[in-house]
Amino acid sequence: MTRACVLGAFAALALLAGCDGPREDAGEKADANAGVVSSEDTTAKGPAERAGEAQDRVARTAADAREARADAAEDQADVVRSDADRKADALEDQAKAARAQADSKADALDDRAAATRGK
């Protein structure tokens, strides 16, 4: 194996180790302190590390679920706002039409009043 491959493999292993969650890290330390594994740097996993890893997965899943619920609530809020805007636009259109109709009727009545006065 070339030196570059060894360094690449080491870097990949370091990245994987860096992805451990806090519970997994604590379990890894507990396993090493209890002598279940030879050290914290070993690739072997003891029972506390495996349990911590599972707890980290559960915590990530719960966080993802909370985020999904929050996203859904925001989407629902957007729908409510959009619906309100649509209804408000329709009411504004009705108000414009009512004003135009009233202006037309008022103009006709003004013309009738002027005709009655003989102007």
C-alpha atoms as a PDB file:
ATOM      1  CA  MET A   1       0.000   0.000   0.000  1.00  0.00           C
ATOM      2  CA  THR A   2       1.411   3.392  -0.933  1.00  0.00           C
ATOM      3  CA  ARG A   3       1.999   6.113   1.594  1.00  0.00           C
ATOM      4  CA  ALA A   4      -0.783   8.219   0.038  1.00  0.00           C
ATOM      5  CA  CYS A   5      -3.249   5.343   0.424  1.00  0.00           C
ATOM      6  CA  VAL A   6      -2.256   4.849   4.051  1.00  0.00           C
ATOM      7  CA  LEU A   7      -2.664   8.566   4.729  1.00  0.00           C
ATOM      8  CA  GLY A   8      -6.005   8.564   2.894  1.00  0.00           C
ATOM      9  CA  ALA A   9      -7.233   5.591   4.907  1.00  0.00           C
ATOM     10  CA  PHE A  10      -6.099   7.247   8.125  1.00  0.00           C
ATOM     11  CA  ALA A  11      -7.863  10.482   7.159  1.00  0.00           C
ATOM     12  CA  ALA A  12     -11.067   8.588   6.372  1.00  0.00           C
ATOM     13  CA  LEU A  13     -10.870   6.801   9.714  1.00  0.00           C
ATOM     14  CA  ALA A  14     -10.287  10.117  11.493  1.00  0.00           C
ATOM     15  CA  LEU A  15     -13.340  11.585   9.765  1.00  0.00           C
ATOM     16  CA  LEU A  16     -15.462   8.640  10.829  1.00  0.00           C
ATOM     17  CA  ALA A  17     -14.241   8.968  14.396  1.00  0.00           C
ATOM     18  CA  GLY A  18     -15.064  12.670  14.263  1.00  0.00           C
ATOM     19  CA  CYS A  19     -18.678  11.835  13.421  1.00  0.00           C
ATOM     20  CA  ASP A  20     -19.331  10.194  16.771  1.00  0.00           C
ATOM     21  CA  GLY A  21     -22.105  11.750  18.776  1.00  0.00           C
ATOM     22  CA  PRO A  22     -21.704  12.789  22.396  1.00  0.00           C
ATOM     23  CA  ARG A  23     -23.320   9.637  23.801  1.00  0.00           C
ATOM     24  CA  GLU A  24     -21.173   7.399  21.622  1.00  0.00           C
ATOM     25  CA  ASP A  25     -18.042   9.270  22.713  1.00  0.00           C
ATOM     26  CA  ALA A  26     -19.029   8.878  26.355  1.00  0.00           C
ATOM     27  CA  GLY A  27     -19.669   5.168  25.821  1.00  0.00           C
ATOM     28  CA  GLU A  28     -16.322   4.790  24.088  1.00  0.00           C
ATOM     29  CA  LYS A  29     -14.569   6.353  27.081  1.00  0.00           C
ATOM     30  CA  ALA A  30     -16.586   4.230  29.507  1.00  0.00           C
ATOM     31  CA  ASP A  31     -15.670   1.038  27.615  1.00  0.00           C
ATOM     32  CA  ALA A  32     -11.978   2.014  27.629  1.00  0.00           C
ATOM     33  CA  ASN A  33     -12.064   2.896  31.339  1.00  0.00           C
ATOM     34  CA  ALA A  34     -13.802  -0.394  32.154  1.00  0.00           C
ATOM     35  CA  GLY A  35     -11.207  -2.322  30.154  1.00  0.00           C
ATOM     36  CA  VAL A  36     -13.797  -3.684  27.712  1.00  0.00           C
ATOM     37  CA  VAL A  37     -11.694  -2.376  24.819  1.00  0.00           C
ATOM     38  CA  SER A  38      -7.954  -1.753  24.731  1.00  0.00           C
ATOM     39  CA  SER A  39      -8.264   2.050  24.309  1.00  0.00           C
ATOM     40  CA  GLU A  40     -10.526   4.814  23.046  1.00  0.00           C
ATOM     41  CA  ASP A  41      -8.617   4.805  19.756  1.00  0.00           C
ATOM     42  CA  THR A  42      -9.476   1.219  18.847  1.00  0.00           C
ATOM     43  CA  THR A  43     -11.938   0.448  16.091  1.00  0.00           C
ATOM     44  CA  ALA A  44     -13.549  -2.211  18.282  1.00  0.00           C
ATOM     45  CA  LYS A  45     -16.779  -1.138  19.911  1.00  0.00           C
ATOM     46  CA  GLY A  46     -17.797  -2.063  23.396  1.00  0.00           C
ATOM     47  CA  PRO A  47     -21.360  -2.296  24.676  1.00  0.00           C
ATOM     48  CA  ALA A  48     -21.442   1.234  26.107  1.00  0.00           C
ATOM     49  CA  GLU A  49     -20.201   2.723  22.830  1.00  0.00           C
ATOM     50  CA  ARG A  50     -22.787   0.749  20.829  1.00  0.00           C
ATOM     51  CA  ALA A  51     -25.544   1.846  23.228  1.00  0.00           C
ATOM     52  CA  GLY A  52     -24.356   5.459  22.990  1.00  0.00           C
ATOM     53  CA  GLU A  53     -24.308   5.235  19.214  1.00  0.00           C
ATOM     54  CA  ALA A  54     -27.913   3.985  19.236  1.00  0.00           C
ATOM     55  CA  GLN A  55     -28.911   6.802  21.605  1.00  0.00           C
ATOM     56  CA  ASP A  56     -27.254   9.346  19.301  1.00  0.00           C
ATOM     57  CA  ARG A  57     -29.200   7.913  16.345  1.00  0.00           C
ATOM     58  CA  VAL A  58     -32.447   8.197  18.322  1.00  0.00           C
ATOM     59  CA  ALA A  59     -31.606  11.786  19.274  1.00  0.00           C
ATOM     60  CA  ARG A  60     -30.799  12.676  15.632  1.00  0.00           C
ATOM     61  CA  THR A  61     -34.034  11.054  14.465  1.00  0.00           C
ATOM     62  CA  ALA A  62     -36.015  12.961  17.098  1.00  0.00           C
ATOM     63  CA  ALA A  63     -34.322  16.213  16.060  1.00  0.00           C
ATOM     64  CA  ASP A  64     -35.087  15.469  12.409  1.00  0.00           C
ATOM     65  CA  ALA A  65     -38.729  14.765  13.313  1.00  0.00           C
ATOM     66  CA  ARG A  66     -38.973  18.063  15.242  1.00  0.00           C
ATOM     67  CA  GLU A  67     -37.493  19.906  12.274  1.00  0.00           C
ATOM     68  CA  ALA A  68     -39.966  18.220   9.915  1.00  0.00           C
ATOM     69  CA  ARG A  69     -42.878  19.219  12.186  1.00  0.00           C
ATOM     70  CA  ALA A  70     -41.589  22.798  12.299  1.00  0.00           C
ATOM     71  CA  ASP A  71     -41.258  22.853   8.495  1.00  0.00           C
ATOM     72  CA  ALA A  72     -44.815  21.528   8.170  1.00  0.00           C
ATOM     73  CA  ALA A  73     -46.110  24.227  10.528  1.00  0.00           C
ATOM     74  CA  GLU A  74     -44.321  26.908   8.498  1.00  0.00           C
ATOM     75  CA  ASP A  75     -45.787  25.485   5.284  1.00  0.00           C
ATOM     76  CA  GLN A  76     -49.242  25.534   6.873  1.00  0.00           C
ATOM     77  CA  ALA A  77     -48.719  29.158   7.948  1.00  0.00           C
ATOM     78  CA  ASP A  78     -47.780  30.038   4.358  1.00  0.00           C
ATOM     79  CA  VAL A  79     -50.999  28.409   3.116  1.00  0.00           C
ATOM     80  CA  VAL A  80     -53.083  30.356   5.660  1.00  0.00           C
ATOM     81  CA  ARG A  81     -51.424  33.640   4.641  1.00  0.00           C
ATOM     82  CA  SER A  82     -51.847  32.876   0.955  1.00  0.00           C
ATOM     83  CA  ASP A  83     -55.532  32.026   1.455  1.00  0.00           C
ATOM     84  CA  ALA A  84     -56.074  35.249   3.412  1.00  0.00           C
ATOM     85  CA  ASP A  85     -54.355  37.271   0.668  1.00  0.00           C
ATOM     86  CA  ARG A  86     -56.542  35.630  -1.980  1.00  0.00           C
ATOM     87  CA  LYS A  87     -59.712  36.399   0.005  1.00  0.00           C
ATOM     88  CA  ALA A  88     -58.578  39.985   0.669  1.00  0.00           C
ATOM     89  CA  ASP A  89     -57.889  40.502  -3.044  1.00  0.00           C
ATOM     90  CA  ALA A  90     -61.373  39.211  -3.878  1.00  0.00           C
ATOM     91  CA  LEU A  91     -62.940  41.567  -1.302  1.00  0.00           C
ATOM     92  CA  GLU A  92     -60.947  44.504  -2.724  1.00  0.00           C
ATOM     93  CA  ASP A  93     -62.256  43.651  -6.189  1.00  0.00           C
ATOM     94  CA  GLN A  94     -65.819  43.558  -4.821  1.00  0.00           C
ATOM     95  CA  ALA A  95     -65.290  46.924  -3.105  1.00  0.00           C
ATOM     96  CA  LYS A  96     -64.018  48.486  -6.355  1.00  0.00           C
ATOM     97  CA  ALA A  97     -67.025  47.136  -8.239  1.00  0.00           C
ATOM     98  CA  ALA A  98     -69.431  48.403  -5.549  1.00  0.00           C
ATOM     99  CA  ARG A  99     -67.817  51.861  -5.634  1.00  0.00           C
ATOM    100  CA  ALA A 100     -67.963  51.986  -9.431  1.00  0.00           C
ATOM    101  CA  GLN A 101     -71.633  50.958  -9.397  1.00  0.00           C
ATOM    102  CA  ALA A 102     -72.420  53.544  -6.695  1.00  0.00           C
ATOM    103  CA  ASP A 103     -70.564  56.283  -8.627  1.00  0.00           C
ATOM    104  CA  SER A 104     -72.490  55.425 -11.778  1.00  0.00           C
ATOM    105  CA  LYS A 105     -75.833  55.492  -9.939  1.00  0.00           C
ATOM    106  CA  ALA A 106     -74.894  58.748  -8.126  1.00  0.00           C
ATOM    107  CA  ASP A 107     -73.889  60.374 -11.444  1.00  0.00           C
ATOM    108  CA  ALA A 108     -77.268  59.403 -12.929  1.00  0.00           C
ATOM    109  CA  LEU A 109     -79.061  60.878  -9.895  1.00  0.00           C
ATOM    110  CA  ASP A 110     -76.962  64.079 -10.149  1.00  0.00           C
ATOM    111  CA  ASP A 111     -77.924  64.351 -13.824  1.00  0.00           C
ATOM    112  CA  ARG A 112     -81.604  63.884 -12.907  1.00  0.00           C
ATOM    113  CA  ALA A 113     -81.346  66.542 -10.201  1.00  0.00           C
ATOM    114  CA  ALA A 114     -79.736  68.971 -12.648  1.00  0.00           C
ATOM    115  CA  ALA A 115     -82.456  68.240 -15.224  1.00  0.00           C
ATOM    116  CA  THR A 116     -85.165  68.833 -12.605  1.00  0.00           C
ATOM    117  CA  ARG A 117     -83.641  72.215 -11.785  1.00  0.00           C
ATOM    118  CA  GLY A 118     -83.594  72.986 -15.474  1.00  0.00           C
ATOM    119  CA  LYS A 119     -79.895  73.454 -15.791  1.00  0.00           C
END
